[in-house]
Amino acid sequence: MFSGIVQAVAIVKGVEHVEGSTRLTIERPHLTPELAPGASIAVNGVCLTVESMDEHGFHVTAVAETLGLTTLRHLRTGSMVNLEPALRVGDPLGGHWVSGHVDGVGRVRTAERIEGEVRVAIDVPPPLRRYVAPKGSLAVDGVSLTVASWSDPVVEVALVPYTLQNTTLHTLRPGHEVNLEADLIARYLDRLLTSRGLGVGSPIAAGERP
């Protein structure tokens, strides 16, 4: 489990493609002592397992399914990635609950600087749209953000100077793809309501009398 508060930005030092999977070598940042073999770490919002470490950095593997569902397939040597180690019991939750299981890939429509912040508009893929709400939470490449506005199918988020300086989001340009993860609570609430016939699209949810 993660919070969406990026702890470091690191450079991909190596990319090795092996039988449909990709093994990444990422420079080891000054995070926590818990970054050790077997530990979970979010790489651009994708939960991966640290396999080993050496003088070049730490190594993780993204399997074919992960590559097909996330932007990790686009990583190259020299790419920058957002990193967050898994939360420990008692750690402050500065963002929101983030599982590291990406729900889909969005595409940046616009990125404009407005009065000291950058407003980014992202096209949200259909399966995620039901979970997006104004002032709700959304993880973009592993960064916990608040939905500034929502006009289906476009979500707009505001990047303040700190976020721009301490994550990779300052590099976003129109056409860029980003990993999106919906709010965990929204997903489980929708699942619960759907199992009781009260989900999105049901007659009751639409305001009709049963």
N, C-alpha and C. Protein backbone atom coordinates (compact mmCIF):
# COMPACT_ATOMS: atom_id res chain seq x y z
N MET A 1 0.84 -1.19 0.00
CA MET A 1 0.00 0.00 0.00
C MET A 1 0.88 1.24 0.00
N PHE A 2 0.41 2.27 -0.72
CA PHE A 2 1.18 3.50 -0.85
C PHE A 2 0.26 4.69 -0.57
N SER A 3 0.85 5.88 -0.57
CA SER A 3 0.06 7.08 -0.28
C SER A 3 0.01 8.05 -1.45
N GLY A 4 0.81 7.79 -2.49
CA GLY A 4 0.85 8.72 -3.61
C GLY A 4 1.73 9.92 -3.37
N ILE A 5 2.54 9.87 -2.32
CA ILE A 5 3.51 10.93 -2.05
C ILE A 5 4.88 10.43 -2.50
N VAL A 6 5.32 10.90 -3.64
CA VAL A 6 6.57 10.43 -4.24
C VAL A 6 7.75 10.79 -3.34
N GLN A 7 8.62 9.82 -3.09
CA GLN A 7 9.77 10.01 -2.21
C GLN A 7 11.05 10.36 -2.97
N ALA A 8 11.10 10.01 -4.24
CA ALA A 8 12.31 10.29 -5.02
C ALA A 8 12.01 10.16 -6.51
N VAL A 9 12.78 10.87 -7.29
CA VAL A 9 12.78 10.70 -8.74
C VAL A 9 14.12 10.09 -9.12
N ALA A 10 14.10 8.99 -9.86
CA ALA A 10 15.33 8.28 -10.18
C ALA A 10 15.41 8.02 -11.68
N ILE A 11 16.60 7.68 -12.12
CA ILE A 11 16.85 7.43 -13.54
C ILE A 11 16.94 5.93 -13.80
N VAL A 12 16.31 5.49 -14.87
CA VAL A 12 16.42 4.10 -15.30
C VAL A 12 17.82 3.90 -15.89
N LYS A 13 18.58 2.98 -15.30
CA LYS A 13 19.97 2.75 -15.72
C LYS A 13 20.10 1.64 -16.74
N GLY A 14 19.07 0.78 -16.80
CA GLY A 14 19.15 -0.33 -17.76
C GLY A 14 17.80 -0.96 -18.02
N VAL A 15 17.58 -1.43 -19.24
CA VAL A 15 16.33 -2.08 -19.63
C VAL A 15 16.69 -3.36 -20.38
N GLU A 16 16.22 -4.49 -19.86
CA GLU A 16 16.51 -5.79 -20.49
C GLU A 16 15.21 -6.52 -20.75
N HIS A 17 14.97 -6.87 -22.00
CA HIS A 17 13.76 -7.58 -22.38
C HIS A 17 14.03 -9.08 -22.40
N VAL A 18 13.25 -9.82 -21.61
CA VAL A 18 13.46 -11.26 -21.49
C VAL A 18 12.13 -11.99 -21.57
N GLU A 19 11.90 -12.71 -22.66
CA GLU A 19 10.73 -13.58 -22.82
C GLU A 19 9.43 -12.87 -22.47
N GLY A 20 9.21 -11.71 -23.02
CA GLY A 20 7.96 -10.99 -22.81
C GLY A 20 7.95 -10.09 -21.60
N SER A 21 8.90 -10.26 -20.71
CA SER A 21 9.02 -9.41 -19.53
C SER A 21 10.13 -8.39 -19.73
N THR A 22 10.16 -7.39 -18.87
CA THR A 22 11.22 -6.38 -18.93
C THR A 22 11.83 -6.23 -17.55
N ARG A 23 13.15 -6.37 -17.50
CA ARG A 23 13.87 -6.20 -16.23
C ARG A 23 14.49 -4.80 -16.24
N LEU A 24 14.14 -4.03 -15.23
CA LEU A 24 14.62 -2.65 -15.12
C LEU A 24 15.67 -2.53 -14.04
N THR A 25 16.71 -1.79 -14.35
CA THR A 25 17.69 -1.40 -13.34
C THR A 25 17.49 0.09 -13.09
N ILE A 26 17.19 0.44 -11.85
CA ILE A 26 16.89 1.83 -11.50
C ILE A 26 17.88 2.29 -10.45
N GLU A 27 18.43 3.48 -10.64
CA GLU A 27 19.40 3.98 -9.67
C GLU A 27 18.79 3.98 -8.27
N ARG A 28 19.60 3.62 -7.31
CA ARG A 28 19.09 3.52 -5.95
C ARG A 28 19.09 4.89 -5.28
N PRO A 29 17.91 5.40 -4.96
CA PRO A 29 17.84 6.71 -4.31
C PRO A 29 18.04 6.58 -2.81
N HIS A 30 18.15 7.70 -2.15
CA HIS A 30 18.25 7.68 -0.69
C HIS A 30 16.83 7.67 -0.13
N LEU A 31 16.26 6.48 -0.05
CA LEU A 31 14.90 6.36 0.47
C LEU A 31 14.93 5.89 1.91
N THR A 32 14.67 4.64 2.15
CA THR A 32 14.63 4.10 3.50
C THR A 32 15.39 2.80 3.56
N PRO A 33 15.79 2.36 4.74
CA PRO A 33 16.47 1.07 4.87
C PRO A 33 15.60 -0.09 4.41
N GLU A 34 14.29 0.13 4.30
CA GLU A 34 13.39 -0.95 3.90
C GLU A 34 13.50 -1.29 2.42
N LEU A 35 14.23 -0.47 1.65
CA LEU A 35 14.43 -0.79 0.24
C LEU A 35 15.46 -1.90 0.16
N ALA A 36 14.96 -3.12 0.12
CA ALA A 36 15.81 -4.31 0.15
C ALA A 36 15.12 -5.38 -0.67
N PRO A 37 15.85 -6.43 -1.05
CA PRO A 37 15.23 -7.52 -1.82
C PRO A 37 13.94 -8.01 -1.17
N GLY A 38 12.89 -8.11 -1.95
CA GLY A 38 11.60 -8.55 -1.44
C GLY A 38 10.66 -7.41 -1.10
N ALA A 39 11.18 -6.20 -1.02
CA ALA A 39 10.34 -5.05 -0.67
C ALA A 39 9.52 -4.60 -1.87
N SER A 40 8.38 -3.99 -1.60
CA SER A 40 7.54 -3.43 -2.66
C SER A 40 7.90 -1.97 -2.87
N ILE A 41 7.86 -1.56 -4.12
CA ILE A 41 8.13 -0.17 -4.44
C ILE A 41 7.26 0.23 -5.63
N ALA A 42 6.70 1.43 -5.58
CA ALA A 42 5.88 1.93 -6.67
C ALA A 42 6.78 2.67 -7.66
N VAL A 43 6.75 2.24 -8.91
CA VAL A 43 7.52 2.86 -9.98
C VAL A 43 6.52 3.47 -10.95
N ASN A 44 6.45 4.80 -10.96
CA ASN A 44 5.42 5.50 -11.74
C ASN A 44 4.03 4.98 -11.42
N GLY A 45 3.83 4.66 -10.15
CA GLY A 45 2.52 4.21 -9.70
C GLY A 45 2.26 2.74 -9.82
N VAL A 46 3.23 1.97 -10.31
CA VAL A 46 3.07 0.53 -10.49
C VAL A 46 3.82 -0.20 -9.38
N CYS A 47 3.12 -1.03 -8.62
CA CYS A 47 3.74 -1.77 -7.53
C CYS A 47 4.60 -2.91 -8.09
N LEU A 48 5.90 -2.86 -7.80
CA LEU A 48 6.83 -3.89 -8.23
C LEU A 48 7.62 -4.38 -7.03
N THR A 49 8.28 -5.52 -7.20
CA THR A 49 9.07 -6.11 -6.12
C THR A 49 10.55 -5.94 -6.40
N VAL A 50 11.28 -5.45 -5.42
CA VAL A 50 12.74 -5.33 -5.54
C VAL A 50 13.32 -6.74 -5.53
N GLU A 51 14.00 -7.11 -6.62
CA GLU A 51 14.57 -8.45 -6.71
C GLU A 51 15.98 -8.52 -6.16
N SER A 52 16.77 -7.53 -6.46
CA SER A 52 18.16 -7.50 -6.01
C SER A 52 18.70 -6.09 -6.14
N MET A 53 19.89 -5.87 -5.59
CA MET A 53 20.55 -4.57 -5.67
C MET A 53 22.03 -4.77 -5.88
N ASP A 54 22.64 -3.83 -6.59
CA ASP A 54 24.09 -3.85 -6.74
C ASP A 54 24.57 -2.41 -6.88
N GLU A 55 25.81 -2.25 -7.33
CA GLU A 55 26.38 -0.90 -7.41
C GLU A 55 25.68 -0.04 -8.45
N HIS A 56 24.94 -0.65 -9.36
CA HIS A 56 24.24 0.10 -10.40
C HIS A 56 22.87 0.59 -9.95
N GLY A 57 22.29 -0.07 -8.95
CA GLY A 57 20.97 0.31 -8.46
C GLY A 57 20.19 -0.91 -8.01
N PHE A 58 18.86 -0.83 -8.10
CA PHE A 58 18.05 -2.00 -7.74
C PHE A 58 17.32 -2.50 -8.98
N HIS A 59 16.93 -3.78 -8.94
CA HIS A 59 16.36 -4.44 -10.11
C HIS A 59 14.92 -4.89 -9.83
N VAL A 60 14.04 -4.61 -10.79
CA VAL A 60 12.65 -5.05 -10.73
C VAL A 60 12.27 -5.62 -12.09
N THR A 61 11.24 -6.46 -12.11
CA THR A 61 10.78 -7.03 -13.36
C THR A 61 9.30 -6.73 -13.56
N ALA A 62 8.96 -6.23 -14.74
CA ALA A 62 7.57 -6.01 -15.13
C ALA A 62 7.19 -7.10 -16.12
N VAL A 63 6.18 -7.91 -15.76
CA VAL A 63 5.77 -9.01 -16.63
C VAL A 63 4.92 -8.49 -17.78
N ALA A 64 4.60 -9.37 -18.71
CA ALA A 64 3.89 -8.98 -19.93
C ALA A 64 2.58 -8.27 -19.64
N GLU A 65 1.80 -8.79 -18.68
CA GLU A 65 0.51 -8.17 -18.37
C GLU A 65 0.69 -6.74 -17.86
N THR A 66 1.68 -6.54 -17.00
CA THR A 66 1.95 -5.20 -16.48
C THR A 66 2.37 -4.27 -17.60
N LEU A 67 3.21 -4.75 -18.49
CA LEU A 67 3.66 -3.92 -19.61
C LEU A 67 2.49 -3.54 -20.52
N GLY A 68 1.56 -4.46 -20.69
CA GLY A 68 0.43 -4.20 -21.57
C GLY A 68 -0.58 -3.22 -20.99
N LEU A 69 -0.62 -3.12 -19.65
CA LEU A 69 -1.63 -2.30 -18.99
C LEU A 69 -1.11 -0.99 -18.43
N THR A 70 0.20 -0.74 -18.53
CA THR A 70 0.79 0.46 -17.96
C THR A 70 1.76 1.10 -18.95
N THR A 71 2.30 2.23 -18.55
CA THR A 71 3.27 2.93 -19.41
C THR A 71 4.69 2.43 -19.21
N LEU A 72 4.89 1.44 -18.37
CA LEU A 72 6.26 0.94 -18.15
C LEU A 72 6.86 0.39 -19.43
N ARG A 73 6.03 0.01 -20.37
CA ARG A 73 6.54 -0.51 -21.65
C ARG A 73 7.30 0.56 -22.42
N HIS A 74 7.10 1.83 -22.08
CA HIS A 74 7.77 2.92 -22.80
C HIS A 74 9.11 3.32 -22.17
N LEU A 75 9.44 2.75 -21.03
CA LEU A 75 10.68 3.16 -20.35
C LEU A 75 11.91 2.75 -21.14
N ARG A 76 12.86 3.65 -21.15
CA ARG A 76 14.14 3.43 -21.81
C ARG A 76 15.26 3.83 -20.87
N THR A 77 16.48 3.42 -21.17
CA THR A 77 17.63 3.87 -20.38
C THR A 77 17.68 5.39 -20.42
N GLY A 78 17.72 5.99 -19.24
CA GLY A 78 17.71 7.45 -19.15
C GLY A 78 16.36 8.02 -18.77
N SER A 79 15.30 7.21 -18.83
CA SER A 79 13.97 7.69 -18.42
C SER A 79 13.97 8.01 -16.93
N MET A 80 13.18 9.01 -16.55
CA MET A 80 13.02 9.34 -15.14
C MET A 80 11.71 8.72 -14.63
N VAL A 81 11.74 8.21 -13.39
CA VAL A 81 10.56 7.58 -12.82
C VAL A 81 10.31 8.08 -11.40
N ASN A 82 9.03 8.11 -11.02
CA ASN A 82 8.65 8.43 -9.65
C ASN A 82 8.75 7.17 -8.79
N LEU A 83 9.31 7.32 -7.60
CA LEU A 83 9.46 6.17 -6.70
C LEU A 83 8.81 6.46 -5.34
N GLU A 84 8.14 5.44 -4.82
CA GLU A 84 7.62 5.51 -3.46
C GLU A 84 7.70 4.12 -2.83
N PRO A 85 8.41 3.99 -1.70
CA PRO A 85 8.43 2.70 -1.01
C PRO A 85 7.08 2.45 -0.35
N ALA A 86 6.80 1.20 -0.04
CA ALA A 86 5.53 0.86 0.59
C ALA A 86 5.41 1.51 1.96
N LEU A 87 4.17 1.83 2.33
CA LEU A 87 3.92 2.42 3.64
C LEU A 87 4.19 1.40 4.74
N ARG A 88 4.65 1.93 5.87
CA ARG A 88 4.79 1.11 7.07
C ARG A 88 3.69 1.49 8.04
N VAL A 89 3.36 0.57 8.93
CA VAL A 89 2.34 0.88 9.94
C VAL A 89 2.81 2.09 10.75
N GLY A 90 1.95 3.08 10.85
CA GLY A 90 2.28 4.29 11.59
C GLY A 90 2.77 5.44 10.72
N ASP A 91 3.08 5.15 9.44
CA ASP A 91 3.50 6.23 8.55
C ASP A 91 2.34 7.19 8.31
N PRO A 92 2.63 8.49 8.16
CA PRO A 92 1.56 9.44 7.86
C PRO A 92 1.02 9.22 6.45
N LEU A 93 -0.29 9.39 6.31
CA LEU A 93 -0.93 9.25 4.99
C LEU A 93 -1.13 10.65 4.43
N GLY A 94 -0.12 11.12 3.71
CA GLY A 94 -0.17 12.49 3.22
C GLY A 94 -1.04 12.65 1.99
N GLY A 95 -1.24 11.57 1.22
CA GLY A 95 -2.04 11.66 0.01
C GLY A 95 -3.37 10.94 0.19
N HIS A 96 -3.52 9.77 -0.46
CA HIS A 96 -4.69 8.93 -0.27
C HIS A 96 -4.26 7.48 -0.47
N TRP A 97 -5.13 6.54 -0.14
CA TRP A 97 -4.77 5.14 -0.29
C TRP A 97 -4.54 4.81 -1.76
N VAL A 98 -3.33 4.33 -2.06
CA VAL A 98 -2.95 3.95 -3.42
C VAL A 98 -2.43 2.52 -3.37
N SER A 99 -2.99 1.64 -4.20
CA SER A 99 -2.61 0.22 -4.14
C SER A 99 -1.42 -0.12 -5.02
N GLY A 100 -1.15 0.73 -6.03
CA GLY A 100 -0.09 0.40 -6.97
C GLY A 100 -0.56 -0.51 -8.09
N HIS A 101 -1.89 -0.72 -8.16
CA HIS A 101 -2.48 -1.52 -9.23
C HIS A 101 -3.16 -0.56 -10.21
N VAL A 102 -2.47 -0.23 -11.27
CA VAL A 102 -2.94 0.76 -12.24
C VAL A 102 -4.23 0.30 -12.90
N ASP A 103 -5.20 1.23 -12.97
CA ASP A 103 -6.50 0.91 -13.56
C ASP A 103 -6.53 1.13 -15.06
N GLY A 104 -5.68 2.00 -15.55
CA GLY A 104 -5.68 2.27 -16.97
C GLY A 104 -4.68 3.36 -17.33
N VAL A 105 -4.53 3.57 -18.61
CA VAL A 105 -3.59 4.58 -19.11
C VAL A 105 -4.38 5.73 -19.72
N GLY A 106 -4.06 6.95 -19.26
CA GLY A 106 -4.69 8.13 -19.82
C GLY A 106 -3.72 8.85 -20.75
N ARG A 107 -4.26 9.77 -21.54
CA ARG A 107 -3.42 10.53 -22.47
C ARG A 107 -3.59 12.02 -22.19
N VAL A 108 -2.46 12.71 -22.04
CA VAL A 108 -2.49 14.14 -21.77
C VAL A 108 -3.03 14.88 -22.98
N ARG A 109 -4.04 15.71 -22.74
CA ARG A 109 -4.63 16.51 -23.81
C ARG A 109 -3.97 17.90 -23.86
N THR A 110 -3.85 18.54 -22.70
CA THR A 110 -3.19 19.85 -22.62
C THR A 110 -2.43 19.96 -21.32
N ALA A 111 -1.42 20.83 -21.31
CA ALA A 111 -0.66 21.15 -20.10
C ALA A 111 -0.32 22.63 -20.18
N GLU A 112 -0.99 23.42 -19.35
CA GLU A 112 -0.84 24.87 -19.44
C GLU A 112 -0.48 25.47 -18.08
N ARG A 113 0.44 26.42 -18.10
CA ARG A 113 0.81 27.14 -16.87
C ARG A 113 -0.18 28.27 -16.65
N ILE A 114 -0.80 28.28 -15.47
CA ILE A 114 -1.78 29.30 -15.13
C ILE A 114 -1.53 29.79 -13.71
N GLU A 115 -1.08 31.02 -13.57
CA GLU A 115 -0.91 31.67 -12.27
C GLU A 115 -0.10 30.81 -11.30
N GLY A 116 1.08 30.42 -11.69
CA GLY A 116 1.98 29.72 -10.79
C GLY A 116 1.79 28.23 -10.67
N GLU A 117 0.79 27.67 -11.33
CA GLU A 117 0.57 26.23 -11.33
C GLU A 117 0.43 25.75 -12.77
N VAL A 118 0.50 24.46 -12.94
CA VAL A 118 0.30 23.88 -14.27
C VAL A 118 -0.98 23.06 -14.23
N ARG A 119 -1.90 23.37 -15.13
CA ARG A 119 -3.14 22.63 -15.25
C ARG A 119 -2.98 21.59 -16.36
N VAL A 120 -3.22 20.34 -16.01
CA VAL A 120 -3.06 19.25 -16.96
C VAL A 120 -4.42 18.59 -17.20
N ALA A 121 -4.83 18.51 -18.45
CA ALA A 121 -6.08 17.85 -18.83
C ALA A 121 -5.73 16.48 -19.41
N ILE A 122 -6.40 15.45 -18.90
CA ILE A 122 -6.08 14.08 -19.29
C ILE A 122 -7.35 13.37 -19.74
N ASP A 123 -7.28 12.69 -20.88
CA ASP A 123 -8.38 11.84 -21.33
C ASP A 123 -8.38 10.56 -20.50
N VAL A 124 -9.51 10.27 -19.86
CA VAL A 124 -9.63 9.10 -19.00
C VAL A 124 -10.28 7.96 -19.76
N PRO A 125 -9.70 6.75 -19.74
CA PRO A 125 -10.30 5.62 -20.45
C PRO A 125 -11.65 5.25 -19.84
N PRO A 126 -12.57 4.72 -20.65
CA PRO A 126 -13.94 4.45 -20.20
C PRO A 126 -14.09 3.70 -18.88
N PRO A 127 -13.35 2.62 -18.61
CA PRO A 127 -13.59 1.89 -17.36
C PRO A 127 -13.36 2.70 -16.09
N LEU A 128 -12.57 3.78 -16.17
CA LEU A 128 -12.24 4.56 -14.98
C LEU A 128 -13.17 5.74 -14.74
N ARG A 129 -13.91 6.12 -15.75
CA ARG A 129 -14.68 7.37 -15.67
C ARG A 129 -15.70 7.37 -14.55
N ARG A 130 -16.24 6.23 -14.22
CA ARG A 130 -17.27 6.15 -13.18
C ARG A 130 -16.71 6.47 -11.80
N TYR A 131 -15.37 6.40 -11.65
CA TYR A 131 -14.77 6.64 -10.34
C TYR A 131 -14.25 8.07 -10.15
N VAL A 132 -14.33 8.88 -11.21
CA VAL A 132 -13.78 10.23 -11.13
C VAL A 132 -14.86 11.20 -10.66
N ALA A 133 -14.49 12.05 -9.69
CA ALA A 133 -15.44 13.03 -9.17
C ALA A 133 -14.69 14.32 -8.82
N PRO A 134 -15.30 15.47 -9.06
CA PRO A 134 -14.65 16.73 -8.69
C PRO A 134 -14.25 16.74 -7.22
N LYS A 135 -13.04 17.18 -6.95
CA LYS A 135 -12.45 17.24 -5.61
C LYS A 135 -12.11 15.86 -5.05
N GLY A 136 -12.30 14.81 -5.87
CA GLY A 136 -11.91 13.48 -5.44
C GLY A 136 -10.42 13.26 -5.67
N SER A 137 -9.96 12.06 -5.40
CA SER A 137 -8.53 11.73 -5.53
C SER A 137 -8.28 10.88 -6.76
N LEU A 138 -7.11 11.09 -7.35
CA LEU A 138 -6.69 10.32 -8.52
C LEU A 138 -5.17 10.25 -8.50
N ALA A 139 -4.61 9.06 -8.71
CA ALA A 139 -3.16 8.91 -8.78
C ALA A 139 -2.74 8.96 -10.24
N VAL A 140 -1.80 9.87 -10.55
CA VAL A 140 -1.27 10.04 -11.90
C VAL A 140 0.22 9.73 -11.86
N ASP A 141 0.63 8.64 -12.51
CA ASP A 141 2.02 8.19 -12.45
C ASP A 141 2.50 8.07 -11.01
N GLY A 142 1.59 7.61 -10.15
CA GLY A 142 1.95 7.39 -8.75
C GLY A 142 1.85 8.60 -7.85
N VAL A 143 1.42 9.73 -8.39
CA VAL A 143 1.32 10.97 -7.61
C VAL A 143 -0.13 11.20 -7.20
N SER A 144 -0.38 11.34 -5.91
CA SER A 144 -1.73 11.61 -5.42
C SER A 144 -2.12 13.04 -5.76
N LEU A 145 -3.22 13.19 -6.53
CA LEU A 145 -3.68 14.50 -6.94
C LEU A 145 -5.18 14.64 -6.69
N THR A 146 -5.61 15.89 -6.57
CA THR A 146 -7.03 16.19 -6.40
C THR A 146 -7.62 16.57 -7.75
N VAL A 147 -8.78 16.03 -8.05
CA VAL A 147 -9.46 16.36 -9.30
C VAL A 147 -9.93 17.81 -9.22
N ALA A 148 -9.36 18.67 -10.06
CA ALA A 148 -9.74 20.08 -10.08
C ALA A 148 -11.05 20.28 -10.81
N SER A 149 -11.24 19.54 -11.90
CA SER A 149 -12.51 19.60 -12.63
C SER A 149 -12.69 18.31 -13.42
N TRP A 150 -13.94 18.02 -13.75
CA TRP A 150 -14.26 16.78 -14.46
C TRP A 150 -15.36 17.06 -15.46
N SER A 151 -15.05 16.84 -16.74
CA SER A 151 -16.03 16.96 -17.82
C SER A 151 -15.81 15.75 -18.72
N ASP A 152 -16.58 14.71 -18.45
CA ASP A 152 -16.41 13.42 -19.12
C ASP A 152 -16.13 13.60 -20.62
N PRO A 153 -15.00 13.06 -21.13
CA PRO A 153 -14.06 12.12 -20.52
C PRO A 153 -12.75 12.76 -20.05
N VAL A 154 -12.75 14.07 -19.81
CA VAL A 154 -11.49 14.76 -19.49
C VAL A 154 -11.44 15.17 -18.02
N VAL A 155 -10.38 14.76 -17.35
CA VAL A 155 -10.14 15.19 -15.98
C VAL A 155 -9.03 16.23 -15.99
N GLU A 156 -9.16 17.22 -15.13
CA GLU A 156 -8.13 18.25 -15.03
C GLU A 156 -7.57 18.26 -13.62
N VAL A 157 -6.23 18.27 -13.53
CA VAL A 157 -5.55 18.32 -12.23
C VAL A 157 -4.61 19.52 -12.23
N ALA A 158 -4.35 20.03 -11.04
CA ALA A 158 -3.47 21.19 -10.90
C ALA A 158 -2.17 20.76 -10.23
N LEU A 159 -1.05 21.11 -10.84
CA LEU A 159 0.26 20.76 -10.30
C LEU A 159 0.89 22.00 -9.69
N VAL A 160 1.08 21.98 -8.38
CA VAL A 160 1.68 23.11 -7.68
C VAL A 160 3.20 23.03 -7.82
N PRO A 161 3.91 24.12 -7.52
CA PRO A 161 5.37 24.12 -7.70
C PRO A 161 6.09 22.96 -7.02
N TYR A 162 5.69 22.58 -5.80
CA TYR A 162 6.39 21.48 -5.12
C TYR A 162 6.27 20.19 -5.93
N THR A 163 5.08 19.90 -6.44
CA THR A 163 4.88 18.68 -7.23
C THR A 163 5.72 18.74 -8.50
N LEU A 164 5.77 19.88 -9.14
CA LEU A 164 6.55 20.03 -10.36
C LEU A 164 8.03 19.81 -10.11
N GLN A 165 8.51 20.25 -8.95
CA GLN A 165 9.93 20.15 -8.63
C GLN A 165 10.35 18.77 -8.14
N ASN A 166 9.40 18.01 -7.59
CA ASN A 166 9.78 16.77 -6.92
C ASN A 166 9.19 15.50 -7.53
N THR A 167 8.61 15.61 -8.71
CA THR A 167 8.11 14.44 -9.43
C THR A 167 8.44 14.60 -10.92
N THR A 168 8.08 13.61 -11.69
CA THR A 168 8.32 13.67 -13.14
C THR A 168 7.21 14.41 -13.87
N LEU A 169 6.18 14.85 -13.18
CA LEU A 169 5.02 15.42 -13.86
C LEU A 169 5.33 16.73 -14.57
N HIS A 170 6.46 17.35 -14.25
CA HIS A 170 6.82 18.58 -14.95
C HIS A 170 7.16 18.31 -16.42
N THR A 171 7.37 17.05 -16.77
CA THR A 171 7.73 16.71 -18.16
C THR A 171 6.51 16.44 -19.03
N LEU A 172 5.30 16.44 -18.44
CA LEU A 172 4.11 16.08 -19.21
C LEU A 172 3.84 17.08 -20.33
N ARG A 173 3.55 16.52 -21.49
CA ARG A 173 3.21 17.32 -22.66
C ARG A 173 2.03 16.66 -23.37
N PRO A 174 1.30 17.40 -24.20
CA PRO A 174 0.19 16.80 -24.94
C PRO A 174 0.64 15.54 -25.69
N GLY A 175 -0.15 14.49 -25.55
CA GLY A 175 0.17 13.22 -26.19
C GLY A 175 0.84 12.22 -25.27
N HIS A 176 1.41 12.68 -24.15
CA HIS A 176 2.05 11.77 -23.22
C HIS A 176 1.02 10.84 -22.58
N GLU A 177 1.42 9.60 -22.36
CA GLU A 177 0.57 8.65 -21.64
C GLU A 177 0.96 8.60 -20.18
N VAL A 178 -0.03 8.44 -19.30
CA VAL A 178 0.21 8.39 -17.86
C VAL A 178 -0.57 7.25 -17.24
N ASN A 179 0.00 6.67 -16.18
CA ASN A 179 -0.69 5.63 -15.43
C ASN A 179 -1.72 6.28 -14.51
N LEU A 180 -2.93 5.75 -14.51
CA LEU A 180 -3.99 6.27 -13.67
C LEU A 180 -4.49 5.19 -12.72
N GLU A 181 -4.68 5.56 -11.47
CA GLU A 181 -5.31 4.66 -10.50
C GLU A 181 -6.42 5.41 -9.79
N ALA A 182 -7.62 4.86 -9.87
CA ALA A 182 -8.78 5.49 -9.23
C ALA A 182 -8.69 5.35 -7.72
N ASP A 183 -9.47 6.17 -7.04
CA ASP A 183 -9.52 6.13 -5.58
C ASP A 183 -9.98 4.75 -5.13
N LEU A 184 -9.24 4.16 -4.21
CA LEU A 184 -9.51 2.79 -3.76
C LEU A 184 -10.88 2.68 -3.10
N ILE A 185 -11.24 3.68 -2.31
CA ILE A 185 -12.53 3.64 -1.62
C ILE A 185 -13.67 3.69 -2.63
N ALA A 186 -13.52 4.53 -3.67
CA ALA A 186 -14.56 4.63 -4.69
C ALA A 186 -14.75 3.29 -5.40
N ARG A 187 -13.67 2.60 -5.66
CA ARG A 187 -13.77 1.31 -6.36
C ARG A 187 -14.53 0.29 -5.52
N TYR A 188 -14.16 0.19 -4.22
CA TYR A 188 -14.81 -0.80 -3.37
C TYR A 188 -16.26 -0.44 -3.09
N LEU A 189 -16.54 0.86 -2.97
CA LEU A 189 -17.92 1.29 -2.75
C LEU A 189 -18.77 0.94 -3.97
N ASP A 190 -18.24 1.17 -5.16
CA ASP A 190 -18.97 0.84 -6.38
C ASP A 190 -19.20 -0.66 -6.47
N ARG A 191 -18.19 -1.43 -6.10
CA ARG A 191 -18.32 -2.89 -6.14
C ARG A 191 -19.40 -3.36 -5.19
N LEU A 192 -19.44 -2.78 -4.00
CA LEU A 192 -20.44 -3.16 -3.00
C LEU A 192 -21.84 -2.81 -3.48
N LEU A 193 -22.00 -1.60 -4.02
CA LEU A 193 -23.32 -1.17 -4.50
C LEU A 193 -23.77 -2.00 -5.69
N THR A 194 -22.82 -2.30 -6.60
CA THR A 194 -23.16 -3.10 -7.77
C THR A 194 -23.64 -4.49 -7.37
N SER A 195 -22.98 -5.08 -6.37
CA SER A 195 -23.37 -6.42 -5.93
C SER A 195 -24.77 -6.43 -5.33
N ARG A 196 -25.26 -5.24 -4.93
CA ARG A 196 -26.61 -5.14 -4.36
C ARG A 196 -27.58 -4.49 -5.34
N GLY A 197 -27.15 -4.38 -6.61
CA GLY A 197 -28.01 -3.81 -7.62
C GLY A 197 -28.16 -2.32 -7.54
N LEU A 198 -27.20 -1.65 -6.86
CA LEU A 198 -27.29 -0.20 -6.67
C LEU A 198 -26.16 0.53 -7.37
N GLY A 199 -25.41 -0.16 -8.23
CA GLY A 199 -24.27 0.46 -8.87
C GLY A 199 -24.66 1.48 -9.93
N VAL A 200 -23.63 2.08 -10.53
CA VAL A 200 -23.85 3.06 -11.59
C VAL A 200 -24.66 2.43 -12.72
N GLY A 201 -25.71 3.11 -13.15
CA GLY A 201 -26.53 2.60 -14.24
C GLY A 201 -27.74 1.81 -13.79
N SER A 202 -27.82 1.48 -12.49
CA SER A 202 -28.98 0.76 -12.00
C SER A 202 -30.16 1.70 -11.90
N PRO A 203 -31.41 1.21 -11.95
CA PRO A 203 -32.58 2.08 -11.87
C PRO A 203 -32.61 2.91 -10.59
N ILE A 204 -32.22 2.30 -9.47
CA ILE A 204 -32.26 3.01 -8.20
C ILE A 204 -31.20 4.10 -8.19
N ALA A 205 -29.98 3.76 -8.68
CA ALA A 205 -28.90 4.75 -8.71
C ALA A 205 -29.27 5.91 -9.62
N ALA A 206 -30.09 5.65 -10.64
CA ALA A 206 -30.48 6.69 -11.57
C ALA A 206 -31.65 7.52 -11.05
N GLY A 207 -32.15 7.16 -9.88
CA GLY A 207 -33.23 7.93 -9.28
C GLY A 207 -34.62 7.43 -9.62
N GLU A 208 -34.70 6.23 -10.24
CA GLU A 208 -36.01 5.69 -10.58
C GLU A 208 -36.55 4.89 -9.42
N ARG A 209 -37.85 4.80 -9.34
CA ARG A 209 -38.49 3.99 -8.30
C ARG A 209 -38.37 2.51 -8.64
N PRO A 210 -38.07 1.69 -7.65
CA PRO A 210 -37.98 0.25 -7.92
C PRO A 210 -39.35 -0.32 -8.28
